[in-house]
N, C-alpha and C. Protein backbone atom coordinates (compact mmCIF):
# COMPACT_ATOMS: atom_id res chain seq x y z
N MET A 1 -0.05 -18.59 6.63
CA MET A 1 -1.15 -18.35 5.72
C MET A 1 -1.85 -17.06 6.12
N PHE A 2 -2.32 -16.33 5.14
CA PHE A 2 -3.00 -15.06 5.38
C PHE A 2 -4.48 -15.30 5.59
N PRO A 3 -5.12 -14.51 6.45
CA PRO A 3 -6.57 -14.66 6.65
C PRO A 3 -7.32 -14.26 5.38
N ILE A 4 -8.44 -14.90 5.15
CA ILE A 4 -9.27 -14.59 3.99
C ILE A 4 -10.13 -13.37 4.34
N PRO A 5 -10.06 -12.30 3.50
CA PRO A 5 -10.89 -11.11 3.78
C PRO A 5 -12.36 -11.40 3.55
N ASP A 6 -13.21 -10.50 4.03
CA ASP A 6 -14.65 -10.59 3.80
C ASP A 6 -14.89 -10.78 2.30
N ARG A 7 -15.70 -11.73 1.93
CA ARG A 7 -15.84 -12.10 0.53
C ARG A 7 -17.17 -11.65 -0.09
N THR A 8 -17.70 -10.53 0.32
CA THR A 8 -18.91 -10.04 -0.31
C THR A 8 -18.57 -9.55 -1.70
N PRO A 9 -19.50 -9.72 -2.67
CA PRO A 9 -19.20 -9.28 -4.04
C PRO A 9 -18.81 -7.81 -4.14
N GLU A 10 -19.47 -6.93 -3.36
CA GLU A 10 -19.14 -5.51 -3.41
C GLU A 10 -17.70 -5.27 -2.93
N PHE A 11 -17.31 -5.96 -1.86
CA PHE A 11 -15.94 -5.82 -1.35
C PHE A 11 -14.94 -6.26 -2.40
N GLU A 12 -15.16 -7.42 -3.01
CA GLU A 12 -14.23 -7.93 -4.01
C GLU A 12 -14.11 -6.99 -5.20
N TYR A 13 -15.23 -6.49 -5.69
CA TYR A 13 -15.21 -5.57 -6.82
C TYR A 13 -14.45 -4.30 -6.47
N ARG A 14 -14.73 -3.73 -5.32
CA ARG A 14 -14.06 -2.49 -4.92
C ARG A 14 -12.58 -2.72 -4.69
N LEU A 15 -12.21 -3.87 -4.11
CA LEU A 15 -10.81 -4.17 -3.87
C LEU A 15 -10.06 -4.31 -5.19
N VAL A 16 -10.67 -4.95 -6.16
CA VAL A 16 -10.05 -5.07 -7.48
C VAL A 16 -9.81 -3.68 -8.08
N LYS A 17 -10.79 -2.80 -7.95
CA LYS A 17 -10.64 -1.43 -8.46
C LYS A 17 -9.51 -0.70 -7.74
N VAL A 18 -9.39 -0.90 -6.43
CA VAL A 18 -8.33 -0.26 -5.66
C VAL A 18 -6.97 -0.71 -6.16
N LEU A 19 -6.85 -1.99 -6.47
CA LEU A 19 -5.56 -2.55 -6.88
C LEU A 19 -5.23 -2.35 -8.35
N GLU A 20 -6.08 -1.66 -9.08
CA GLU A 20 -5.80 -1.36 -10.48
C GLU A 20 -4.83 -0.20 -10.65
N HIS A 21 -4.68 0.62 -9.64
CA HIS A 21 -3.87 1.83 -9.81
C HIS A 21 -2.39 1.54 -9.59
N PRO A 22 -1.52 1.95 -10.53
CA PRO A 22 -0.08 1.65 -10.42
C PRO A 22 0.61 2.28 -9.20
N VAL A 23 0.12 3.42 -8.73
CA VAL A 23 0.73 4.04 -7.54
C VAL A 23 0.46 3.17 -6.31
N ARG A 24 -0.74 2.64 -6.22
CA ARG A 24 -1.08 1.79 -5.06
C ARG A 24 -0.28 0.49 -5.10
N ILE A 25 -0.18 -0.11 -6.26
CA ILE A 25 0.62 -1.33 -6.39
C ILE A 25 2.08 -1.02 -6.09
N GLY A 26 2.57 0.09 -6.60
CA GLY A 26 3.95 0.48 -6.35
C GLY A 26 4.24 0.69 -4.87
N PHE A 27 3.30 1.29 -4.16
CA PHE A 27 3.48 1.51 -2.73
C PHE A 27 3.53 0.17 -2.00
N LEU A 28 2.63 -0.76 -2.34
CA LEU A 28 2.65 -2.07 -1.70
C LEU A 28 3.95 -2.82 -2.00
N LYS A 29 4.44 -2.69 -3.22
CA LYS A 29 5.71 -3.35 -3.57
C LYS A 29 6.87 -2.74 -2.79
N LEU A 30 6.88 -1.44 -2.65
CA LEU A 30 7.93 -0.79 -1.86
C LEU A 30 7.87 -1.25 -0.41
N LEU A 31 6.67 -1.35 0.14
CA LEU A 31 6.52 -1.81 1.52
C LEU A 31 7.04 -3.24 1.69
N ALA A 32 6.84 -4.06 0.68
CA ALA A 32 7.28 -5.46 0.77
C ALA A 32 8.79 -5.55 0.97
N GLY A 33 9.51 -4.59 0.41
CA GLY A 33 10.97 -4.61 0.52
C GLY A 33 11.52 -3.83 1.69
N ARG A 34 10.70 -2.98 2.30
CA ARG A 34 11.22 -2.08 3.34
C ARG A 34 10.60 -2.27 4.72
N GLY A 35 9.46 -2.84 4.82
CA GLY A 35 8.80 -2.99 6.12
C GLY A 35 7.90 -1.82 6.45
N THR A 36 8.44 -0.62 6.57
CA THR A 36 7.64 0.58 6.78
C THR A 36 8.05 1.65 5.78
N LEU A 37 7.10 2.51 5.47
CA LEU A 37 7.33 3.54 4.46
C LEU A 37 6.28 4.62 4.62
N SER A 38 6.67 5.86 4.44
CA SER A 38 5.71 6.96 4.47
C SER A 38 5.45 7.43 3.04
N ALA A 39 4.40 8.21 2.87
CA ALA A 39 4.08 8.76 1.55
C ALA A 39 5.22 9.66 1.07
N ILE A 40 5.84 10.39 1.99
CA ILE A 40 6.95 11.27 1.63
C ILE A 40 8.12 10.46 1.07
N GLU A 41 8.44 9.36 1.73
CA GLU A 41 9.54 8.51 1.26
C GLU A 41 9.20 7.84 -0.05
N ALA A 42 7.95 7.43 -0.21
CA ALA A 42 7.53 6.73 -1.43
C ALA A 42 7.50 7.65 -2.64
N ARG A 43 7.21 8.91 -2.43
CA ARG A 43 7.11 9.86 -3.54
C ARG A 43 8.35 9.84 -4.42
N ASP A 44 9.52 9.76 -3.81
CA ASP A 44 10.76 9.78 -4.57
C ASP A 44 11.02 8.48 -5.32
N CYS A 45 10.36 7.40 -4.91
CA CYS A 45 10.58 6.09 -5.54
C CYS A 45 9.52 5.75 -6.57
N LEU A 46 8.42 6.48 -6.57
CA LEU A 46 7.32 6.20 -7.49
C LEU A 46 7.47 7.07 -8.73
N GLU A 47 6.40 7.27 -9.46
CA GLU A 47 6.42 8.04 -10.71
C GLU A 47 7.07 9.41 -10.52
N ASN A 48 7.90 9.79 -11.48
CA ASN A 48 8.56 11.10 -11.42
C ASN A 48 7.54 12.22 -11.48
N GLY A 49 7.75 13.22 -10.66
CA GLY A 49 6.91 14.40 -10.68
C GLY A 49 5.55 14.23 -10.02
N LEU A 50 5.30 13.11 -9.39
CA LEU A 50 4.02 12.89 -8.72
C LEU A 50 3.96 13.73 -7.46
N PRO A 51 2.96 14.60 -7.32
CA PRO A 51 2.89 15.44 -6.12
C PRO A 51 2.60 14.60 -4.87
N LEU A 52 3.09 15.08 -3.76
CA LEU A 52 2.89 14.39 -2.49
C LEU A 52 1.41 14.18 -2.20
N SER A 53 0.57 15.14 -2.57
CA SER A 53 -0.87 15.01 -2.30
C SER A 53 -1.46 13.79 -3.00
N LYS A 54 -0.98 13.47 -4.19
CA LYS A 54 -1.48 12.29 -4.92
C LYS A 54 -1.02 11.01 -4.24
N VAL A 55 0.24 10.95 -3.83
CA VAL A 55 0.76 9.76 -3.14
C VAL A 55 -0.01 9.57 -1.84
N THR A 56 -0.19 10.64 -1.09
CA THR A 56 -0.91 10.58 0.18
C THR A 56 -2.34 10.08 -0.03
N TYR A 57 -2.99 10.55 -1.08
CA TYR A 57 -4.34 10.09 -1.40
C TYR A 57 -4.37 8.58 -1.61
N HIS A 58 -3.45 8.07 -2.41
CA HIS A 58 -3.44 6.64 -2.72
C HIS A 58 -3.10 5.79 -1.50
N VAL A 59 -2.23 6.28 -0.64
CA VAL A 59 -1.92 5.58 0.61
C VAL A 59 -3.15 5.56 1.51
N ARG A 60 -3.88 6.65 1.53
CA ARG A 60 -5.11 6.73 2.33
C ARG A 60 -6.15 5.71 1.84
N VAL A 61 -6.25 5.53 0.53
CA VAL A 61 -7.18 4.54 -0.03
C VAL A 61 -6.74 3.13 0.40
N LEU A 62 -5.45 2.83 0.30
CA LEU A 62 -4.95 1.52 0.75
C LEU A 62 -5.27 1.30 2.23
N ASN A 63 -5.14 2.36 3.02
CA ASN A 63 -5.44 2.27 4.45
C ASN A 63 -6.93 2.02 4.68
N GLN A 64 -7.79 2.70 3.94
CA GLN A 64 -9.25 2.52 4.09
C GLN A 64 -9.67 1.10 3.79
N PHE A 65 -8.97 0.43 2.88
CA PHE A 65 -9.30 -0.94 2.51
C PHE A 65 -8.54 -1.97 3.34
N GLY A 66 -7.80 -1.51 4.34
CA GLY A 66 -7.13 -2.43 5.23
C GLY A 66 -5.92 -3.12 4.64
N LEU A 67 -5.33 -2.53 3.59
CA LEU A 67 -4.16 -3.13 2.96
C LEU A 67 -2.86 -2.61 3.57
N VAL A 68 -2.92 -1.45 4.20
CA VAL A 68 -1.80 -0.89 4.95
C VAL A 68 -2.35 -0.33 6.25
N GLU A 69 -1.46 -0.12 7.23
CA GLU A 69 -1.85 0.48 8.49
C GLU A 69 -0.72 1.35 9.01
N ALA A 70 -1.08 2.34 9.81
CA ALA A 70 -0.06 3.19 10.41
C ALA A 70 0.84 2.35 11.30
N ALA A 71 2.13 2.65 11.25
CA ALA A 71 3.12 1.86 11.99
C ALA A 71 3.85 2.72 13.00
N GLY A 72 3.22 3.74 13.49
CA GLY A 72 3.86 4.61 14.47
C GLY A 72 3.31 6.01 14.39
N GLN A 73 3.94 6.88 15.15
CA GLN A 73 3.52 8.28 15.21
C GLN A 73 4.12 9.06 14.03
N PRO A 74 3.44 10.13 13.61
CA PRO A 74 3.99 10.96 12.53
C PRO A 74 5.33 11.56 12.93
N ASP A 75 6.22 11.65 11.97
CA ASP A 75 7.53 12.26 12.14
C ASP A 75 7.53 13.55 11.32
N PRO A 76 8.05 14.66 11.84
CA PRO A 76 8.01 15.92 11.10
C PRO A 76 8.70 15.86 9.73
N ASP A 77 9.73 15.05 9.61
CA ASP A 77 10.46 14.97 8.34
C ASP A 77 9.96 13.83 7.45
N ARG A 78 9.45 12.78 8.05
CA ARG A 78 9.11 11.57 7.33
C ARG A 78 7.61 11.43 7.09
N GLY A 79 6.80 12.00 7.96
CA GLY A 79 5.36 11.80 7.87
C GLY A 79 4.97 10.54 8.63
N VAL A 80 3.78 10.03 8.35
CA VAL A 80 3.28 8.82 9.02
C VAL A 80 3.86 7.60 8.34
N PRO A 81 4.54 6.74 9.09
CA PRO A 81 5.02 5.49 8.48
C PRO A 81 3.88 4.47 8.40
N PHE A 82 3.84 3.71 7.34
CA PHE A 82 2.84 2.66 7.15
C PHE A 82 3.54 1.32 6.98
N ARG A 83 2.81 0.25 7.31
CA ARG A 83 3.28 -1.11 7.04
C ARG A 83 2.14 -1.86 6.36
N SER A 84 2.51 -2.89 5.67
CA SER A 84 1.52 -3.72 5.00
C SER A 84 0.80 -4.59 6.02
N THR A 85 -0.48 -4.80 5.82
CA THR A 85 -1.25 -5.71 6.66
C THR A 85 -1.21 -7.10 6.01
N PRO A 86 -1.67 -8.13 6.72
CA PRO A 86 -1.75 -9.45 6.07
C PRO A 86 -2.59 -9.41 4.79
N ASN A 87 -3.68 -8.64 4.78
CA ASN A 87 -4.48 -8.52 3.56
C ASN A 87 -3.71 -7.81 2.45
N GLY A 88 -2.88 -6.85 2.81
CA GLY A 88 -2.05 -6.18 1.81
C GLY A 88 -1.02 -7.12 1.23
N GLN A 89 -0.44 -7.97 2.06
CA GLN A 89 0.52 -8.96 1.58
C GLN A 89 -0.17 -9.98 0.69
N LEU A 90 -1.38 -10.38 1.08
CA LEU A 90 -2.15 -11.32 0.27
C LEU A 90 -2.49 -10.70 -1.09
N ALA A 91 -2.90 -9.44 -1.09
CA ALA A 91 -3.23 -8.75 -2.34
C ALA A 91 -2.01 -8.67 -3.25
N LEU A 92 -0.86 -8.37 -2.68
CA LEU A 92 0.36 -8.28 -3.47
C LEU A 92 0.72 -9.64 -4.05
N ALA A 93 0.58 -10.68 -3.26
CA ALA A 93 0.85 -12.04 -3.74
C ALA A 93 -0.12 -12.42 -4.85
N ALA A 94 -1.40 -12.01 -4.70
CA ALA A 94 -2.40 -12.30 -5.73
C ALA A 94 -2.08 -11.60 -7.04
N LEU A 95 -1.37 -10.48 -6.95
CA LEU A 95 -0.96 -9.75 -8.15
C LEU A 95 0.31 -10.34 -8.76
N GLY A 96 0.87 -11.35 -8.10
CA GLY A 96 2.05 -12.01 -8.64
C GLY A 96 3.37 -11.48 -8.14
N HIS A 97 3.37 -10.76 -7.03
CA HIS A 97 4.60 -10.19 -6.48
C HIS A 97 4.90 -10.88 -5.16
N SER A 98 6.12 -11.36 -5.02
CA SER A 98 6.49 -12.01 -3.77
C SER A 98 6.79 -10.96 -2.72
N PRO A 99 6.60 -11.27 -1.43
CA PRO A 99 6.84 -10.30 -0.36
C PRO A 99 8.29 -9.82 -0.32
N GLN A 100 9.22 -10.59 -0.80
CA GLN A 100 10.64 -10.20 -0.76
C GLN A 100 11.05 -9.38 -1.98
N GLU A 101 10.15 -9.17 -2.92
CA GLU A 101 10.50 -8.54 -4.18
C GLU A 101 10.89 -7.08 -4.06
N GLY A 102 10.22 -6.31 -3.22
CA GLY A 102 10.53 -4.88 -3.09
C GLY A 102 10.15 -4.14 -4.33
N SER A 103 10.95 -3.08 -4.66
CA SER A 103 10.57 -2.22 -5.80
C SER A 103 11.07 -2.70 -7.11
């Protein structure tokens, strides 16, 4: 079972807003199938033509809300790998996606 996040109304409202964006949901879904993923790797699997800066921004937002976390040191070719946190897995499940679903 996943831990219940802080349940303040402001947190819940902001978390819902964070999870409204398709790039953020897409990144969480990709993580569910791969374990770790960097913004560079995700760029090719997400919306066509999306600049790396946009993907990096959305990953940073997921990180700020504790839905993903760094999973190692930056790699020159891959960038920083991220993994889903228990709260990220819970959020994905709440959106109706199973952890084994992937992309």
